[in-house]
Amino acid sequence: MLTDTQCKNAKAKERPYKLTDGNGLVLEVKPNGVKAWRYRFELAGKESMFAVGDYAPAPTGETPEEAEARRAGRRFTLAEAREERTRARALVKQGINPAHARQLDKIRAQQNAGNTFESVAREWVSLRDWEEVTKTRRIDTLARVAFPKIGALPVKQITPAHVLDVLKTAREKNGPSVADAVKRDISSVFDLAVSTLRADTDPVQPVRKALPANKTQHKRALEVQEIGQLMRDVEGHGGRHETRSAFMLMWLTLCRPSEAAEAEWAEFDLDAALWRIPAERMKKRKPHTIPLPAQAVSMLRALHGITGHLTHAFPGRDDRSKPMAVESFRQMLYTLKWSGKYSPHATRTTGSTRLNEMGFSSDWIERQLAHADTNAVRRSYNHAEHLDDRRRMMQQWADMLDAWRQGGSGNVTPIRTAA
């Protein structure tokens, strides 16, 4: 049996020589001074030699992390080399060549390195039957919330503890709605990983109920007093000017959250007070023209001095070449303590409800919301899109928002009763 002192003091000679420890483990000392651990074994009647690694004296004051890194570089102390011998002997007893097992482990490690959460997540998004704008939005959310924590980890190594950390951080920084959305996406990514044999289980399942359920009433229309309070709260919000402006554009036009957040300057004709959204950015894949009330035109003209040189009216905070994230609305609402009472998607429900209550034509309202007419004959003859009628309606809607923000009733006589 060798001692560490013998290993440390072994001197190089003209020819390589071996010091025997026992049970097949030897220390080979080479002429260049390298000391290498070797394990001699017999398998199927044939003697072979397995290169365990190089000798390293027991370091003083080495941290566990440093020791792990040293062993990963296959540099072992005497005690560690004996542990490696024990593992190798166990493989030989099973009829497995330890050198072959190491090669297989290396292949698996390379496969795992290529199957990181980020790579599988991007693959999952690419396989979805979604429009490109939707795919980009989902990847952007994962890139902000999940990739910094688990993106570089192989999917097989991700545990429920990792997932819970992601969800807790997302809830604290972005609000419960974003945390819920990310939880669903992570679970879907693991559905793909499990079905393609790159992961064994979905680590989301054990922690899916660890955080309080999101009780946001997404579709509930806000009352007049609530609208006024929301307008005042957003107006006093100290966050990004672009986020507040995009949020107000959504309310002033009743567009979808993504349509506002991803708006491009080329879509606006401020002189004509029109916003023409191309088909590729619309949910129904049809172009949509929106009349802009005076308040929206004024706001956009002021914003043009800040972001007019960019493609997007509301650029991202970190990458100004991309639009702001839709989740910025939810994060702002979370900060303002509106999360759980209202989500951006309820804006259109609120606008439709209040405008119908005021007696405006349902045709105008549905066209403003870019909803397809269920009556095919009427739809085929509806070429005018009620643009002039909608222009007057949305100006009155903007005036009502101003009145509600100021605490008034905002009662406006509709220009025509509902048809």
Protein backbone atom coordinates (compact mmCIF):
# COMPACT_ATOMS: atom_id res chain seq x y z
CA MET A 1 0.00 0.00 0.00
CA LEU A 2 1.28 3.41 -0.98
CA THR A 3 1.44 6.45 1.25
CA ASP A 4 0.96 10.02 0.13
CA THR A 5 4.56 10.78 1.08
CA GLN A 6 5.80 8.03 -1.29
CA CYS A 7 3.66 9.41 -4.10
CA LYS A 8 4.82 12.97 -3.47
CA ASN A 9 8.53 12.08 -3.21
CA ALA A 10 8.67 9.72 -6.22
CA LYS A 11 11.37 11.09 -8.58
CA ALA A 12 11.48 10.83 -12.37
CA LYS A 13 13.97 8.43 -13.94
CA GLU A 14 15.25 7.79 -17.43
CA ARG A 15 12.56 5.19 -17.94
CA PRO A 16 8.97 5.13 -16.65
CA TYR A 17 8.38 2.97 -13.63
CA LYS A 18 5.39 1.97 -11.49
CA LEU A 19 4.61 2.05 -7.77
CA THR A 20 1.98 -0.49 -6.77
CA ASP A 21 -0.81 0.38 -4.35
CA GLY A 22 -2.95 -2.74 -4.50
CA ASN A 23 -6.06 -4.21 -6.14
CA GLY A 24 -4.80 -3.15 -9.55
CA LEU A 25 -4.02 0.50 -8.77
CA VAL A 26 -0.53 1.69 -9.68
CA LEU A 27 1.20 5.06 -9.92
CA GLU A 28 3.26 5.40 -13.10
CA VAL A 29 6.11 7.90 -12.85
CA LYS A 30 7.21 9.17 -16.28
CA PRO A 31 10.57 10.63 -17.30
CA ASN A 32 9.01 14.08 -17.72
CA GLY A 33 7.93 14.05 -14.07
CA VAL A 34 4.23 13.37 -14.66
CA LYS A 35 2.74 10.90 -12.20
CA ALA A 36 -0.27 9.03 -13.60
CA TRP A 37 -2.71 6.71 -11.89
CA ARG A 38 -3.39 3.46 -13.73
CA TYR A 39 -5.81 0.65 -12.96
CA ARG A 40 -4.87 -2.82 -14.23
CA PHE A 41 -7.79 -5.19 -14.75
CA GLU A 42 -8.72 -8.35 -16.60
CA LEU A 43 -11.91 -8.63 -18.64
CA ALA A 44 -12.94 -11.64 -20.76
CA GLY A 45 -9.53 -13.20 -20.20
CA LYS A 46 -7.70 -10.15 -21.51
CA GLU A 47 -5.57 -7.83 -19.38
CA SER A 48 -6.10 -4.10 -19.89
CA MET A 49 -4.97 -0.83 -18.35
CA PHE A 50 -7.35 2.04 -17.51
CA ALA A 51 -5.98 5.59 -17.27
CA VAL A 52 -7.54 6.98 -14.08
CA GLY A 53 -5.88 10.39 -14.13
CA ASP A 54 -2.86 12.27 -12.81
CA TYR A 55 -1.57 12.37 -9.25
CA ALA A 56 -2.19 15.52 -7.19
CA PRO A 57 -0.88 15.98 -3.64
CA ALA A 58 -3.58 16.68 -1.08
CA PRO A 59 -3.96 20.49 -1.29
CA THR A 60 -4.05 22.60 1.87
CA GLY A 61 -7.03 24.94 2.31
CA GLU A 62 -8.73 23.79 -0.88
CA THR A 63 -12.42 24.72 -1.07
CA PRO A 64 -15.04 22.11 -2.09
CA GLU A 65 -15.55 23.99 -5.36
CA GLU A 66 -11.82 23.96 -6.11
CA ALA A 67 -11.61 20.26 -5.28
CA GLU A 68 -14.50 19.50 -7.62
CA ALA A 69 -12.85 21.47 -10.42
CA ARG A 70 -9.55 19.62 -9.84
CA ARG A 71 -11.24 16.23 -10.00
CA ALA A 72 -13.12 17.30 -13.14
CA GLY A 73 -9.67 17.86 -14.64
CA ARG A 74 -8.85 14.26 -13.63
CA ARG A 75 -6.21 15.11 -11.03
CA PHE A 76 -6.60 12.86 -7.96
CA THR A 77 -5.01 12.48 -4.54
CA LEU A 78 -4.12 8.98 -3.33
CA ALA A 79 -7.41 8.63 -1.45
CA GLU A 80 -9.41 9.86 -4.45
CA ALA A 81 -7.56 7.53 -6.82
CA ARG A 82 -8.54 4.61 -4.60
CA GLU A 83 -12.19 5.73 -4.85
CA GLU A 84 -11.89 5.82 -8.64
CA ARG A 85 -10.37 2.33 -8.56
CA THR A 86 -13.35 1.09 -6.53
CA ARG A 87 -15.75 2.49 -9.14
CA ALA A 88 -13.75 0.96 -11.97
CA ARG A 89 -13.65 -2.45 -10.25
CA ALA A 90 -17.43 -2.36 -9.81
CA LEU A 91 -17.80 -1.84 -13.57
CA VAL A 92 -15.42 -4.66 -14.38
CA LYS A 93 -17.41 -7.00 -12.15
CA GLN A 94 -20.44 -6.13 -14.31
CA GLY A 95 -18.46 -6.98 -17.44
CA ILE A 96 -18.05 -3.32 -18.40
CA ASN A 97 -14.77 -1.85 -19.55
CA PRO A 98 -14.29 1.35 -17.48
CA ALA A 99 -12.66 3.08 -20.47
CA HIS A 100 -15.78 2.42 -22.54
CA ALA A 101 -17.98 3.64 -19.70
CA ARG A 102 -15.99 6.89 -19.57
CA GLN A 103 -16.44 7.39 -23.31
CA LEU A 104 -20.18 6.85 -22.93
CA ASP A 105 -20.29 9.33 -20.05
CA LYS A 106 -18.47 11.87 -22.21
CA ILE A 107 -20.99 11.40 -25.03
CA ARG A 108 -23.88 11.81 -22.59
CA ALA A 109 -22.30 14.94 -21.14
CA GLN A 110 -21.94 16.40 -24.64
CA GLN A 111 -25.57 15.57 -25.40
CA ASN A 112 -26.69 17.16 -22.15
CA ALA A 113 -24.67 20.28 -22.90
CA GLY A 114 -26.51 20.56 -26.22
CA ASN A 115 -29.87 20.03 -24.53
CA THR A 116 -29.89 23.07 -22.31
CA PHE A 117 -33.21 24.54 -21.22
CA GLU A 118 -32.74 27.49 -23.53
CA SER A 119 -32.05 25.33 -26.59
CA VAL A 120 -35.07 23.10 -25.90
CA ALA A 121 -37.25 26.14 -25.17
CA ARG A 122 -36.32 27.73 -28.49
CA GLU A 123 -37.04 24.44 -30.23
CA TRP A 124 -40.44 24.25 -28.49
CA VAL A 125 -41.36 27.75 -29.62
CA SER A 126 -40.24 27.05 -33.19
CA LEU A 127 -42.57 24.02 -33.34
CA ARG A 128 -45.65 26.00 -32.27
CA ASP A 129 -48.24 26.95 -34.87
CA TRP A 130 -47.99 30.62 -33.93
CA GLU A 131 -47.32 33.80 -35.81
CA GLU A 132 -43.73 35.04 -35.65
CA VAL A 133 -44.68 38.00 -33.47
CA THR A 134 -46.14 35.61 -30.88
CA LYS A 135 -43.07 33.39 -30.99
CA THR A 136 -40.82 36.39 -30.49
CA ARG A 137 -42.92 37.57 -27.55
CA ARG A 138 -42.74 34.18 -25.78
CA ILE A 139 -38.98 33.89 -26.27
CA ASP A 140 -38.48 37.45 -25.02
CA THR A 141 -40.40 36.64 -21.83
CA LEU A 142 -38.40 33.47 -21.20
CA ALA A 143 -35.18 35.36 -21.96
CA ARG A 144 -36.01 37.95 -19.30
CA VAL A 145 -37.37 35.65 -16.62
CA ALA A 146 -36.17 32.05 -17.03
CA PHE A 147 -32.99 31.93 -19.14
CA PRO A 148 -30.82 33.95 -16.70
CA LYS A 149 -31.42 31.29 -14.03
CA ILE A 150 -31.84 27.97 -15.87
CA GLY A 151 -31.16 28.67 -19.53
CA ALA A 152 -27.63 27.22 -19.52
CA LEU A 153 -28.54 24.13 -17.48
CA PRO A 154 -29.13 20.76 -19.19
CA VAL A 155 -32.83 19.94 -18.92
CA LYS A 156 -32.03 16.70 -17.12
CA GLN A 157 -30.31 18.63 -14.33
CA ILE A 158 -33.13 21.08 -13.64
CA THR A 159 -34.92 20.33 -10.39
CA PRO A 160 -38.19 21.56 -8.85
CA ALA A 161 -36.05 23.83 -6.63
CA HIS A 162 -34.67 25.55 -9.74
CA VAL A 163 -38.17 26.08 -11.11
CA LEU A 164 -39.51 27.40 -7.82
CA ASP A 165 -36.68 29.94 -7.67
CA VAL A 166 -37.58 31.15 -11.18
CA LEU A 167 -41.27 31.45 -10.30
CA LYS A 168 -40.68 33.24 -7.00
CA THR A 169 -38.39 35.78 -8.63
CA ALA A 170 -40.84 36.30 -11.50
CA ARG A 171 -43.70 36.89 -9.09
CA GLU A 172 -41.69 39.37 -7.01
CA LYS A 173 -40.31 41.35 -9.96
CA ASN A 174 -43.00 40.97 -12.62
CA GLY A 175 -46.19 40.01 -10.81
CA PRO A 176 -48.33 36.85 -10.56
CA SER A 177 -49.60 36.96 -14.16
CA VAL A 178 -46.10 36.77 -15.61
CA ALA A 179 -45.14 34.04 -13.12
CA ASP A 180 -48.18 32.00 -14.16
CA ALA A 181 -47.41 32.44 -17.86
CA VAL A 182 -43.78 31.42 -17.37
CA LYS A 183 -44.83 28.41 -15.30
CA ARG A 184 -47.03 27.19 -18.16
CA ASP A 185 -44.28 27.73 -20.71
CA ILE A 186 -41.61 25.94 -18.66
CA SER A 187 -43.95 22.97 -18.22
CA SER A 188 -44.61 22.90 -21.97
CA VAL A 189 -40.88 22.94 -22.67
CA PHE A 190 -40.47 19.92 -20.42
CA ASP A 191 -43.36 18.14 -22.17
CA LEU A 192 -41.22 18.30 -25.30
CA ALA A 193 -38.04 17.30 -23.44
CA VAL A 194 -39.71 14.27 -21.83
CA SER A 195 -41.40 13.13 -25.04
CA THR A 196 -38.06 13.25 -26.88
CA LEU A 197 -36.21 11.39 -24.08
CA ARG A 198 -34.08 14.39 -23.12
CA ALA A 199 -35.60 14.65 -19.64
CA ASP A 200 -37.23 12.13 -17.35
CA THR A 201 -39.84 14.27 -15.59
CA ASP A 202 -41.41 17.72 -15.58
CA PRO A 203 -39.94 19.56 -12.54
CA VAL A 204 -42.79 22.07 -12.64
CA GLN A 205 -45.37 19.57 -11.41
CA PRO A 206 -44.17 19.23 -7.77
CA VAL A 207 -44.15 23.04 -7.30
CA ARG A 208 -47.07 24.05 -9.53
CA LYS A 209 -49.19 25.00 -6.49
CA ALA A 210 -46.37 26.35 -4.33
CA LEU A 211 -47.28 29.98 -5.01
CA PRO A 212 -50.70 31.60 -4.45
CA ALA A 213 -53.02 31.31 -7.41
CA ASN A 214 -53.34 34.37 -9.64
CA LYS A 215 -56.85 35.68 -9.08
CA THR A 216 -56.78 38.42 -11.71
CA GLN A 217 -60.25 38.92 -13.16
CA HIS A 218 -58.95 39.23 -16.71
CA LYS A 219 -62.24 39.90 -18.47
CA ARG A 220 -64.16 41.93 -15.90
CA ALA A 221 -65.06 45.38 -17.13
CA LEU A 222 -63.85 48.15 -14.82
CA GLU A 223 -66.39 50.51 -13.30
CA VAL A 224 -66.20 54.22 -14.11
CA GLN A 225 -64.66 55.06 -10.74
CA GLU A 226 -62.05 52.31 -11.20
CA ILE A 227 -61.14 53.59 -14.66
CA GLY A 228 -60.58 57.06 -13.25
CA GLN A 229 -58.41 55.74 -10.42
CA LEU A 230 -56.39 53.59 -12.82
CA MET A 231 -55.78 56.59 -15.09
CA ARG A 232 -54.60 58.67 -12.13
CA ASP A 233 -52.35 55.90 -10.84
CA VAL A 234 -50.72 55.34 -14.23
CA GLU A 235 -50.29 59.08 -14.73
CA GLY A 236 -48.40 59.27 -11.43
CA HIS A 237 -46.34 56.15 -12.08
CA GLY A 238 -42.62 56.91 -11.95
CA GLY A 239 -41.62 54.19 -14.40
CA ARG A 240 -40.69 54.39 -18.07
CA HIS A 241 -42.40 57.09 -20.10
CA GLU A 242 -42.70 54.68 -23.04
CA THR A 243 -44.60 52.14 -20.93
CA ARG A 244 -47.11 54.73 -19.73
CA SER A 245 -47.57 56.08 -23.26
CA ALA A 246 -48.13 52.63 -24.79
CA PHE A 247 -50.59 51.85 -22.02
CA MET A 248 -52.54 55.03 -22.72
CA LEU A 249 -52.53 54.34 -26.47
CA MET A 250 -54.14 51.00 -25.70
CA TRP A 251 -56.90 52.73 -23.71
CA LEU A 252 -57.40 55.55 -26.21
CA THR A 253 -57.83 53.14 -29.14
CA LEU A 254 -58.97 49.88 -27.44
CA CYS A 255 -56.33 47.95 -29.36
CA ARG A 256 -54.81 44.74 -28.06
CA PRO A 257 -51.86 45.06 -25.63
CA SER A 258 -49.39 43.61 -28.13
CA GLU A 259 -50.62 45.91 -30.89
CA ALA A 260 -49.81 48.93 -28.74
CA ALA A 261 -46.52 47.69 -27.31
CA GLU A 262 -45.14 46.68 -30.73
CA ALA A 263 -46.40 49.70 -32.70
CA GLU A 264 -44.02 51.07 -35.34
CA TRP A 265 -43.74 54.72 -36.34
CA ALA A 266 -44.32 53.82 -40.00
CA GLU A 267 -47.85 52.72 -39.09
CA PHE A 268 -48.94 56.19 -37.90
CA ASP A 269 -50.23 59.06 -40.06
CA LEU A 270 -50.48 61.74 -37.40
CA ASP A 271 -51.60 64.44 -39.86
CA ALA A 272 -54.59 62.28 -40.84
CA ALA A 273 -54.96 60.99 -37.23
CA LEU A 274 -54.89 57.37 -38.41
CA TRP A 275 -53.09 54.26 -37.29
CA ARG A 276 -52.85 51.51 -39.91
CA ILE A 277 -51.77 48.20 -38.38
CA PRO A 278 -50.55 45.70 -41.02
CA ALA A 279 -52.09 42.24 -41.29
CA GLU A 280 -49.05 40.44 -39.90
CA ARG A 281 -49.47 42.20 -36.56
CA MET A 282 -53.20 41.54 -36.24
CA LYS A 283 -54.73 38.52 -34.55
CA LYS A 284 -57.06 37.84 -37.49
CA ARG A 285 -54.25 38.48 -40.01
CA LYS A 286 -56.19 41.34 -41.63
CA PRO A 287 -55.01 44.98 -41.75
CA HIS A 288 -56.80 47.30 -39.34
CA THR A 289 -57.24 51.07 -39.51
CA ILE A 290 -57.79 52.89 -36.22
CA PRO A 291 -58.87 56.54 -35.91
CA LEU A 292 -56.73 58.41 -33.40
CA PRO A 293 -58.42 60.84 -31.00
CA ALA A 294 -56.75 64.20 -30.47
CA GLN A 295 -55.26 63.04 -27.14
CA ALA A 296 -53.48 60.13 -28.85
CA VAL A 297 -52.13 62.33 -31.64
CA SER A 298 -50.80 64.85 -29.12
CA MET A 299 -49.16 62.12 -27.04
CA LEU A 300 -47.53 60.50 -30.09
CA ARG A 301 -46.22 63.81 -31.43
CA ALA A 302 -44.53 64.46 -28.08
CA LEU A 303 -43.13 60.91 -28.01
CA HIS A 304 -41.78 61.25 -31.55
CA GLY A 305 -39.18 63.67 -30.26
CA ILE A 306 -37.86 60.88 -28.02
CA THR A 307 -38.16 57.68 -30.08
CA GLY A 308 -38.98 58.97 -33.56
CA HIS A 309 -35.54 57.99 -34.87
CA LEU A 310 -36.23 54.34 -33.99
CA THR A 311 -38.41 51.74 -35.68
CA HIS A 312 -40.72 51.21 -32.73
CA ALA A 313 -42.68 53.94 -31.03
CA PHE A 314 -42.20 52.15 -27.70
CA PRO A 315 -38.75 50.52 -27.84
CA GLY A 316 -37.43 48.03 -25.33
CA ARG A 317 -35.49 49.22 -22.33
CA ASP A 318 -32.40 47.08 -22.92
CA ASP A 319 -32.54 46.66 -26.70
CA ARG A 320 -33.85 49.78 -28.42
CA SER A 321 -34.00 47.99 -31.77
CA LYS A 322 -36.85 45.82 -30.46
CA PRO A 323 -40.28 46.76 -29.12
CA MET A 324 -41.01 46.89 -25.43
CA ALA A 325 -42.21 43.67 -23.83
CA VAL A 326 -45.98 43.36 -23.39
CA GLU A 327 -45.25 42.10 -19.89
CA SER A 328 -44.08 45.63 -19.04
CA PHE A 329 -47.76 46.52 -18.67
CA ARG A 330 -48.25 43.77 -16.10
CA GLN A 331 -45.11 44.76 -14.24
CA MET A 332 -46.30 48.37 -14.03
CA LEU A 333 -49.72 47.23 -12.81
CA TYR A 334 -48.06 45.00 -10.22
CA THR A 335 -46.04 47.95 -8.94
CA LEU A 336 -49.21 50.07 -8.79
CA LYS A 337 -50.99 47.26 -6.87
CA TRP A 338 -53.55 46.73 -9.65
CA SER A 339 -52.41 43.17 -10.26
CA GLY A 340 -55.25 40.84 -9.29
CA LYS A 341 -57.95 43.43 -10.02
CA TYR A 342 -57.29 44.15 -13.66
CA SER A 343 -55.14 42.93 -16.54
CA PRO A 344 -54.42 44.74 -19.84
CA HIS A 345 -56.70 42.35 -21.72
CA ALA A 346 -59.67 43.71 -19.74
CA THR A 347 -59.23 47.12 -21.42
CA ARG A 348 -61.15 46.04 -24.51
CA THR A 349 -63.87 44.43 -22.41
CA THR A 350 -64.18 47.64 -20.41
CA GLY A 351 -64.32 49.84 -23.52
CA SER A 352 -66.89 47.64 -25.23
CA THR A 353 -69.07 47.48 -22.12
CA ARG A 354 -69.02 51.22 -21.41
CA LEU A 355 -69.53 52.26 -25.05
CA ASN A 356 -72.46 49.88 -25.42
CA GLU A 357 -73.95 51.26 -22.20
CA MET A 358 -73.65 54.75 -23.66
CA GLY A 359 -75.69 53.67 -26.66
CA PHE A 360 -73.06 53.69 -29.38
CA SER A 361 -73.66 51.43 -32.36
CA SER A 362 -72.49 47.88 -31.79
CA ASP A 363 -71.26 47.84 -35.40
CA TRP A 364 -68.91 50.73 -34.68
CA ILE A 365 -67.65 49.15 -31.46
CA GLU A 366 -67.03 45.73 -33.01
CA ARG A 367 -65.21 47.29 -35.96
CA GLN A 368 -63.08 49.36 -33.58
CA LEU A 369 -62.13 46.16 -31.78
CA ALA A 370 -61.29 44.49 -35.12
CA HIS A 371 -63.88 41.79 -34.51
CA ALA A 372 -65.14 40.02 -37.61
CA ASP A 373 -68.84 40.47 -38.36
CA THR A 374 -70.65 37.17 -37.96
CA ASN A 375 -73.15 38.21 -40.64
CA ALA A 376 -71.38 37.31 -43.89
CA VAL A 377 -73.68 39.37 -46.13
CA ARG A 378 -73.42 42.48 -43.97
CA ARG A 379 -69.66 41.97 -43.67
CA SER A 380 -69.22 41.84 -47.46
CA TYR A 381 -70.95 45.20 -47.86
CA ASN A 382 -69.24 46.87 -44.90
CA HIS A 383 -66.48 48.51 -46.95
CA ALA A 384 -66.51 51.85 -45.21
CA GLU A 385 -65.54 50.32 -41.84
CA HIS A 386 -67.60 53.08 -40.18
CA LEU A 387 -64.36 55.10 -40.03
CA ASP A 388 -65.98 58.53 -39.66
CA ASP A 389 -68.46 57.19 -37.09
CA ARG A 390 -65.69 55.48 -35.16
CA ARG A 391 -63.59 58.63 -35.26
CA ARG A 392 -66.35 60.61 -33.51
CA MET A 393 -67.03 57.75 -31.08
CA MET A 394 -63.38 57.36 -30.07
CA GLN A 395 -62.96 61.09 -29.59
CA GLN A 396 -65.85 61.01 -27.16
CA TRP A 397 -64.32 57.93 -25.51
CA ALA A 398 -61.03 59.80 -25.04
CA ASP A 399 -62.92 62.77 -23.60
CA MET A 400 -64.69 60.42 -21.17
CA LEU A 401 -61.34 58.98 -20.05
CA ASP A 402 -60.14 62.54 -19.34
CA ALA A 403 -63.27 63.29 -17.34
CA TRP A 404 -63.04 60.06 -15.35
CA ARG A 405 -59.36 60.69 -14.62
CA GLN A 406 -60.32 64.08 -13.20
CA GLY A 407 -62.93 62.46 -10.99
CA GLY A 408 -66.00 63.49 -12.96
CA SER A 409 -68.88 61.35 -14.15
CA GLY A 410 -67.85 61.77 -17.75
CA ASN A 411 -71.40 61.51 -19.03
CA VAL A 412 -71.28 62.06 -22.77
CA THR A 413 -74.34 62.07 -24.99
CA PRO A 414 -73.76 59.43 -27.68
CA ILE A 415 -73.89 60.63 -31.27
CA ARG A 416 -76.22 57.83 -32.27
CA THR A 417 -78.12 55.09 -30.47
CA ALA A 418 -77.08 51.52 -31.00
CA ALA A 419 -78.34 49.96 -34.20
